């Protein structure tokens, strides 16, 4: 996760919000902790919404599957 943390920090520093969508989704995939995964998915979803990224619908569906977002 250290490399992913470095990538997240670099993307934040660069203001690369599209990269943050993918990186936060990757962080969600990399943890077995449902609460942590949902936190990461929420971050990815927010950045996707801000960028009108196509991943938004899939991220919302993943959050809904965990009871974190109504569909």
PDB file of N, CA and C in Angstrom:
ATOM      1  N   UNK A   1       0.832  -1.199   0.000  1.00  0.00           N
ATOM      2  CA  UNK A   1       0.000   0.000   0.000  1.00  0.00           C
ATOM      3  C   UNK A   1       0.870   1.255   0.000  1.00  0.00           C
ATOM      4  N   UNK A   2       2.126   1.142   0.363  1.00  0.00           N
ATOM      5  CA  UNK A   2       3.011   2.309   0.420  1.00  0.00           C
ATOM      6  C   UNK A   2       3.135   2.961  -0.947  1.00  0.00           C
ATOM      7  N   UNK A   3       3.328   2.174  -1.996  1.00  0.00           N
ATOM      8  CA  UNK A   3       3.434   2.715  -3.345  1.00  0.00           C
ATOM      9  C   UNK A   3       2.126   3.409  -3.739  1.00  0.00           C
ATOM     10  N   UNK A   4       1.006   2.805  -3.382  1.00  0.00           N
ATOM     11  CA  UNK A   4      -0.291   3.397  -3.681  1.00  0.00           C
ATOM     12  C   UNK A   4      -0.456   4.718  -2.932  1.00  0.00           C
ATOM     13  N   UNK A   5      -0.023   4.753  -1.673  1.00  0.00           N
ATOM     14  CA  UNK A   5      -0.076   6.005  -0.911  1.00  0.00           C
ATOM     15  C   UNK A   5       0.743   7.089  -1.595  1.00  0.00           C
ATOM     16  N   UNK A   6       1.921   6.742  -2.068  1.00  0.00           N
ATOM     17  CA  UNK A   6       2.771   7.709  -2.771  1.00  0.00           C
ATOM     18  C   UNK A   6       2.084   8.193  -4.047  1.00  0.00           C
ATOM     19  N   UNK A   7       1.448   7.287  -4.754  1.00  0.00           N
ATOM     20  CA  UNK A   7       0.740   7.662  -5.976  1.00  0.00           C
ATOM     21  C   UNK A   7      -0.440   8.585  -5.667  1.00  0.00           C
ATOM     22  N   UNK A   8      -1.151   8.278  -4.587  1.00  0.00           N
ATOM     23  CA  UNK A   8      -2.271   9.130  -4.174  1.00  0.00           C
ATOM     24  C   UNK A   8      -1.782  10.535  -3.814  1.00  0.00           C
ATOM     25  N   UNK A   9      -0.715  10.597  -3.039  1.00  0.00           N
ATOM     26  CA  UNK A   9      -0.169  11.899  -2.654  1.00  0.00           C
ATOM     27  C   UNK A   9       0.296  12.694  -3.876  1.00  0.00           C
ATOM     28  N   UNK A  10       0.939  12.015  -4.810  1.00  0.00           N
ATOM     29  CA  UNK A  10       1.409  12.682  -6.020  1.00  0.00           C
ATOM     30  C   UNK A  10       0.235  13.182  -6.863  1.00  0.00           C
ATOM     31  N   UNK A  11      -0.808  12.381  -6.983  1.00  0.00           N
ATOM     32  CA  UNK A  11      -1.982  12.794  -7.759  1.00  0.00           C
ATOM     33  C   UNK A  11      -2.681  13.978  -7.104  1.00  0.00           C
ATOM     34  N   UNK A  12      -2.766  13.958  -5.773  1.00  0.00           N
ATOM     35  CA  UNK A  12      -3.335  15.112  -5.064  1.00  0.00           C
ATOM     36  C   UNK A  12      -2.492  16.355  -5.311  1.00  0.00           C
ATOM     37  N   UNK A  13      -1.182  16.214  -5.185  1.00  0.00           N
ATOM     38  CA  UNK A  13      -0.283  17.358  -5.372  1.00  0.00           C
ATOM     39  C   UNK A  13      -0.384  17.913  -6.790  1.00  0.00           C
ATOM     40  N   UNK A  14      -0.577  17.033  -7.760  1.00  0.00           N
ATOM     41  CA  UNK A  14      -0.663  17.450  -9.155  1.00  0.00           C
ATOM     42  C   UNK A  14      -2.063  17.918  -9.544  1.00  0.00           C
ATOM     43  N   UNK A  15      -3.034  17.686  -8.657  1.00  0.00           N
ATOM     44  CA  UNK A  15      -4.411  18.034  -8.989  1.00  0.00           C
ATOM     45  C   UNK A  15      -5.003  17.143 -10.066  1.00  0.00           C
ATOM     46  N   UNK A  16      -4.485  15.926 -10.172  1.00  0.00           N
ATOM     47  CA  UNK A  16      -4.930  14.979 -11.188  1.00  0.00           C
ATOM     48  C   UNK A  16      -6.125  14.179 -10.667  1.00  0.00           C
ATOM     49  N   UNK A  17      -7.293  14.762 -10.793  1.00  0.00           N
ATOM     50  CA  UNK A  17      -8.495  14.162 -10.220  1.00  0.00           C
ATOM     51  C   UNK A  17      -8.927  12.893 -10.936  1.00  0.00           C
ATOM     52  N   UNK A  18      -8.670  12.797 -12.230  1.00  0.00           N
ATOM     53  CA  UNK A  18      -9.003  11.552 -12.929  1.00  0.00           C
ATOM     54  C   UNK A  18      -8.147  10.396 -12.425  1.00  0.00           C
ATOM     55  N   UNK A  19      -6.881  10.653 -12.152  1.00  0.00           N
ATOM     56  CA  UNK A  19      -6.028   9.616 -11.578  1.00  0.00           C
ATOM     57  C   UNK A  19      -6.523   9.234 -10.190  1.00  0.00           C
ATOM     58  N   UNK A  20      -7.009  10.219  -9.441  1.00  0.00           N
ATOM     59  CA  UNK A  20      -7.500   9.928  -8.090  1.00  0.00           C
ATOM     60  C   UNK A  20      -8.706   9.003  -8.113  1.00  0.00           C
ATOM     61  N   UNK A  21      -9.544   9.116  -9.125  1.00  0.00           N
ATOM     62  CA  UNK A  21     -10.678   8.193  -9.259  1.00  0.00           C
ATOM     63  C   UNK A  21     -10.159   6.755  -9.302  1.00  0.00           C
ATOM     64  N   UNK A  22      -9.219   6.515 -10.169  1.00  0.00           N
ATOM     65  CA  UNK A  22      -8.680   5.161 -10.333  1.00  0.00           C
ATOM     66  C   UNK A  22      -7.893   4.708  -9.118  1.00  0.00           C
ATOM     67  N   UNK A  23      -7.109   5.595  -8.544  1.00  0.00           N
ATOM     68  CA  UNK A  23      -6.278   5.212  -7.399  1.00  0.00           C
ATOM     69  C   UNK A  23      -7.118   4.903  -6.161  1.00  0.00           C
ATOM     70  N   UNK A  24      -8.140   5.711  -5.902  1.00  0.00           N
ATOM     71  CA  UNK A  24      -8.995   5.417  -4.744  1.00  0.00           C
ATOM     72  C   UNK A  24      -9.798   4.135  -4.964  1.00  0.00           C
ATOM     73  N   UNK A  25     -10.224   3.885  -6.193  1.00  0.00           N
ATOM     74  CA  UNK A  25     -10.907   2.620  -6.487  1.00  0.00           C
ATOM     75  C   UNK A  25      -9.954   1.448  -6.275  1.00  0.00           C
ATOM     76  N   UNK A  26      -8.713   1.624  -6.684  1.00  0.00           N
ATOM     77  CA  UNK A  26      -7.702   0.585  -6.468  1.00  0.00           C
ATOM     78  C   UNK A  26      -7.481   0.356  -4.975  1.00  0.00           C
ATOM     79  N   UNK A  27      -7.451   1.423  -4.193  1.00  0.00           N
ATOM     80  CA  UNK A  27      -7.287   1.284  -2.743  1.00  0.00           C
ATOM     81  C   UNK A  27      -8.465   0.512  -2.147  1.00  0.00           C
ATOM     82  N   UNK A  28      -9.669   0.774  -2.647  1.00  0.00           N
ATOM     83  CA  UNK A  28     -10.851   0.047  -2.168  1.00  0.00           C
ATOM     84  C   UNK A  28     -10.732  -1.435  -2.480  1.00  0.00           C
ATOM     85  N   UNK A  29     -10.232  -1.740  -3.659  1.00  0.00           N
ATOM     86  CA  UNK A  29     -10.065  -3.143  -4.061  1.00  0.00           C
ATOM     87  C   UNK A  29      -8.990  -3.844  -3.245  1.00  0.00           C
ATOM     88  N   UNK A  30      -8.073  -3.072  -2.673  1.00  0.00           N
ATOM     89  CA  UNK A  30      -6.930  -3.647  -1.976  1.00  0.00           C
ATOM     90  C   UNK A  30      -7.119  -3.863  -0.489  1.00  0.00           C
ATOM     91  N   UNK A  31      -8.329  -3.649   0.012  1.00  0.00           N
ATOM     92  CA  UNK A  31      -8.550  -3.863   1.435  1.00  0.00           C
ATOM     93  C   UNK A  31      -9.734  -4.791   1.669  1.00  0.00           C
ATOM     94  N   UNK A  32      -9.639  -5.588   2.716  1.00  0.00           N
ATOM     95  CA  UNK A  32     -10.732  -6.481   3.088  1.00  0.00           C
ATOM     96  C   UNK A  32     -11.663  -5.818   4.098  1.00  0.00           C
ATOM     97  N   UNK A  33     -11.269  -4.655   4.610  1.00  0.00           N
ATOM     98  CA  UNK A  33     -12.074  -3.903   5.585  1.00  0.00           C
ATOM     99  C   UNK A  33     -13.167  -3.146   4.834  1.00  0.00           C
ATOM    100  N   UNK A  34     -14.412  -3.527   5.048  1.00  0.00           N
ATOM    101  CA  UNK A  34     -15.531  -2.939   4.311  1.00  0.00           C
ATOM    102  C   UNK A  34     -15.634  -1.435   4.557  1.00  0.00           C
ATOM    103  N   UNK A  35     -15.440  -1.000   5.799  1.00  0.00           N
ATOM    104  CA  UNK A  35     -15.523   0.430   6.088  1.00  0.00           C
ATOM    105  C   UNK A  35     -14.425   1.207   5.362  1.00  0.00           C
ATOM    106  N   UNK A  36     -13.224   0.682   5.366  1.00  0.00           N
ATOM    107  CA  UNK A  36     -12.127   1.340   4.657  1.00  0.00           C
ATOM    108  C   UNK A  36     -12.396   1.337   3.157  1.00  0.00           C
ATOM    109  N   UNK A  37     -12.870   0.221   2.633  1.00  0.00           N
ATOM    110  CA  UNK A  37     -13.177   0.147   1.207  1.00  0.00           C
ATOM    111  C   UNK A  37     -14.231   1.176   0.823  1.00  0.00           C
ATOM    112  N   UNK A  38     -15.257   1.313   1.645  1.00  0.00           N
ATOM    113  CA  UNK A  38     -16.310   2.285   1.359  1.00  0.00           C
ATOM    114  C   UNK A  38     -15.796   3.716   1.468  1.00  0.00           C
ATOM    115  N   UNK A  39     -14.881   3.966   2.384  1.00  0.00           N
ATOM    116  CA  UNK A  39     -14.259   5.286   2.456  1.00  0.00           C
ATOM    117  C   UNK A  39     -13.542   5.583   1.136  1.00  0.00           C
ATOM    118  N   UNK A  40     -12.720   4.642   0.678  1.00  0.00           N
ATOM    119  CA  UNK A  40     -11.985   4.837  -0.566  1.00  0.00           C
ATOM    120  C   UNK A  40     -12.930   4.972  -1.759  1.00  0.00           C
ATOM    121  N   UNK A  41     -13.984   4.152  -1.785  1.00  0.00           N
ATOM    122  CA  UNK A  41     -14.966   4.252  -2.866  1.00  0.00           C
ATOM    123  C   UNK A  41     -15.651   5.608  -2.865  1.00  0.00           C
ATOM    124  N   UNK A  42     -15.945   6.127  -1.687  1.00  0.00           N
ATOM    125  CA  UNK A  42     -16.574   7.446  -1.593  1.00  0.00           C
ATOM    126  C   UNK A  42     -15.661   8.513  -2.163  1.00  0.00           C
ATOM    127  N   UNK A  43     -14.381   8.435  -1.833  1.00  0.00           N
ATOM    128  CA  UNK A  43     -13.426   9.402  -2.375  1.00  0.00           C
ATOM    129  C   UNK A  43     -13.380   9.293  -3.904  1.00  0.00           C
ATOM    130  N   UNK A  44     -13.312   8.071  -4.406  1.00  0.00           N
ATOM    131  CA  UNK A  44     -13.284   7.866  -5.853  1.00  0.00           C
ATOM    132  C   UNK A  44     -14.553   8.419  -6.495  1.00  0.00           C
ATOM    133  N   UNK A  45     -15.681   8.170  -5.859  1.00  0.00           N
ATOM    134  CA  UNK A  45     -16.979   8.617  -6.382  1.00  0.00           C
ATOM    135  C   UNK A  45     -17.059  10.144  -6.434  1.00  0.00           C
ATOM    136  N   UNK A  46     -16.605  10.805  -5.386  1.00  0.00           N
ATOM    137  CA  UNK A  46     -16.630  12.267  -5.355  1.00  0.00           C
ATOM    138  C   UNK A  46     -15.777  12.841  -6.487  1.00  0.00           C
ATOM    139  N   UNK A  47     -14.575  12.323  -6.654  1.00  0.00           N
ATOM    140  CA  UNK A  47     -13.718  12.810  -7.737  1.00  0.00           C
ATOM    141  C   UNK A  47     -14.323  12.478  -9.103  1.00  0.00           C
ATOM    142  N   UNK A  48     -14.963  11.328  -9.226  1.00  0.00           N
ATOM    143  CA  UNK A  48     -15.620  10.970 -10.487  1.00  0.00           C
ATOM    144  C   UNK A  48     -16.754  11.937 -10.795  1.00  0.00           C
ATOM    145  N   UNK A  49     -17.534  12.288  -9.770  1.00  0.00           N
ATOM    146  CA  UNK A  49     -18.621  13.239  -9.980  1.00  0.00           C
ATOM    147  C   UNK A  49     -18.081  14.601 -10.400  1.00  0.00           C
ATOM    148  N   UNK A  50     -17.015  15.036  -9.741  1.00  0.00           N
ATOM    149  CA  UNK A  50     -16.433  16.341 -10.065  1.00  0.00           C
ATOM    150  C   UNK A  50     -15.927  16.396 -11.498  1.00  0.00           C
ATOM    151  N   UNK A  51     -15.441  15.281 -12.011  1.00  0.00           N
ATOM    152  CA  UNK A  51     -14.860  15.227 -13.355  1.00  0.00           C
ATOM    153  C   UNK A  51     -15.840  14.690 -14.392  1.00  0.00           C
ATOM    154  N   UNK A  52     -17.054  14.359 -13.951  1.00  0.00           N
ATOM    155  CA  UNK A  52     -18.034  13.722 -14.831  1.00  0.00           C
ATOM    156  C   UNK A  52     -17.422  12.494 -15.512  1.00  0.00           C
ATOM    157  N   UNK A  53     -16.682  11.738 -14.717  1.00  0.00           N
ATOM    158  CA  UNK A  53     -15.984  10.552 -15.212  1.00  0.00           C
ATOM    159  C   UNK A  53     -16.977   9.392 -15.395  1.00  0.00           C
ATOM    160  N   UNK A  54     -16.757   8.570 -16.383  1.00  0.00           N
ATOM    161  CA  UNK A  54     -17.676   7.467 -16.658  1.00  0.00           C
ATOM    162  C   UNK A  54     -17.731   6.413 -15.543  1.00  0.00           C
ATOM    163  N   UNK A  55     -16.734   6.369 -14.682  1.00  0.00           N
ATOM    164  CA  UNK A  55     -16.713   5.381 -13.596  1.00  0.00           C
ATOM    165  C   UNK A  55     -17.737   5.701 -12.496  1.00  0.00           C
ATOM    166  N   UNK A  56     -18.308   6.883 -12.533  1.00  0.00           N
ATOM    167  CA  UNK A  56     -19.216   7.310 -11.460  1.00  0.00           C
ATOM    168  C   UNK A  56     -20.352   6.338 -11.196  1.00  0.00           C
ATOM    169  N   UNK A  57     -20.998   5.869 -12.241  1.00  0.00           N
ATOM    170  CA  UNK A  57     -22.136   4.960 -12.067  1.00  0.00           C
ATOM    171  C   UNK A  57     -21.710   3.652 -11.409  1.00  0.00           C
ATOM    172  N   UNK A  58     -20.582   3.115 -11.823  1.00  0.00           N
ATOM    173  CA  UNK A  58     -20.107   1.854 -11.242  1.00  0.00           C
ATOM    174  C   UNK A  58     -19.696   2.051  -9.785  1.00  0.00           C
ATOM    175  N   UNK A  59     -19.075   3.171  -9.482  1.00  0.00           N
ATOM    176  CA  UNK A  59     -18.681   3.442  -8.097  1.00  0.00           C
ATOM    177  C   UNK A  59     -19.918   3.598  -7.218  1.00  0.00           C
ATOM    178  N   UNK A  60     -20.923   4.299  -7.729  1.00  0.00           N
ATOM    179  CA  UNK A  60     -22.167   4.457  -6.971  1.00  0.00           C
ATOM    180  C   UNK A  60     -22.823   3.101  -6.730  1.00  0.00           C
ATOM    181  N   UNK A  61     -22.820   2.252  -7.735  1.00  0.00           N
ATOM    182  CA  UNK A  61     -23.407   0.918  -7.591  1.00  0.00           C
ATOM    183  C   UNK A  61     -22.662   0.104  -6.535  1.00  0.00           C
ATOM    184  N   UNK A  62     -21.349   0.232  -6.493  1.00  0.00           N
ATOM    185  CA  UNK A  62     -20.563  -0.490  -5.480  1.00  0.00           C
ATOM    186  C   UNK A  62     -20.894   0.012  -4.086  1.00  0.00           C
ATOM    187  N   UNK A  63     -21.046   1.320  -3.936  1.00  0.00           N
ATOM    188  CA  UNK A  63     -21.421   1.874  -2.638  1.00  0.00           C
ATOM    189  C   UNK A  63     -22.838   1.419  -2.251  1.00  0.00           C
ATOM    190  N   UNK A  64     -23.736   1.403  -3.202  1.00  0.00           N
ATOM    191  CA  UNK A  64     -25.099   0.950  -2.935  1.00  0.00           C
ATOM    192  C   UNK A  64     -25.121  -0.510  -2.505  1.00  0.00           C
ATOM    193  N   UNK A  65     -24.277  -1.321  -3.106  1.00  0.00           N
ATOM    194  CA  UNK A  65     -24.226  -2.745  -2.759  1.00  0.00           C
ATOM    195  C   UNK A  65     -23.812  -2.946  -1.310  1.00  0.00           C
ATOM    196  N   UNK A  66     -23.104  -1.979  -0.757  1.00  0.00           N
ATOM    197  CA  UNK A  66     -22.687  -2.031   0.648  1.00  0.00           C
ATOM    198  C   UNK A  66     -23.640  -1.246   1.548  1.00  0.00           C
ATOM    199  N   UNK A  67     -24.741  -0.764   0.977  1.00  0.00           N
ATOM    200  CA  UNK A  67     -25.739  -0.024   1.760  1.00  0.00           C
ATOM    201  C   UNK A  67     -25.303   1.396   2.098  1.00  0.00           C
ATOM    202  N   UNK A  68     -24.363   1.945   1.334  1.00  0.00           N
ATOM    203  CA  UNK A  68     -23.832   3.274   1.620  1.00  0.00           C
ATOM    204  C   UNK A  68     -24.395   4.367   0.733  1.00  0.00           C
ATOM    205  N   UNK A  69     -25.126   3.979  -0.310  1.00  0.00           N
ATOM    206  CA  UNK A  69     -25.669   4.948  -1.264  1.00  0.00           C
ATOM    207  C   UNK A  69     -26.963   4.373  -1.829  1.00  0.00           C
ATOM    208  N   UNK A  70     -28.064   5.127  -1.710  1.00  0.00           N
ATOM    209  CA  UNK A  70     -29.303   4.623  -2.300  1.00  0.00           C
ATOM    210  C   UNK A  70     -29.250   4.721  -3.820  1.00  0.00           C
ATOM    211  N   UNK A  71     -29.861   3.775  -4.482  1.00  0.00           N
ATOM    212  CA  UNK A  71     -29.913   3.826  -5.956  1.00  0.00           C
ATOM    213  C   UNK A  71     -31.187   4.440  -6.425  1.00  0.00           C
TER     214      UNK A  71
END
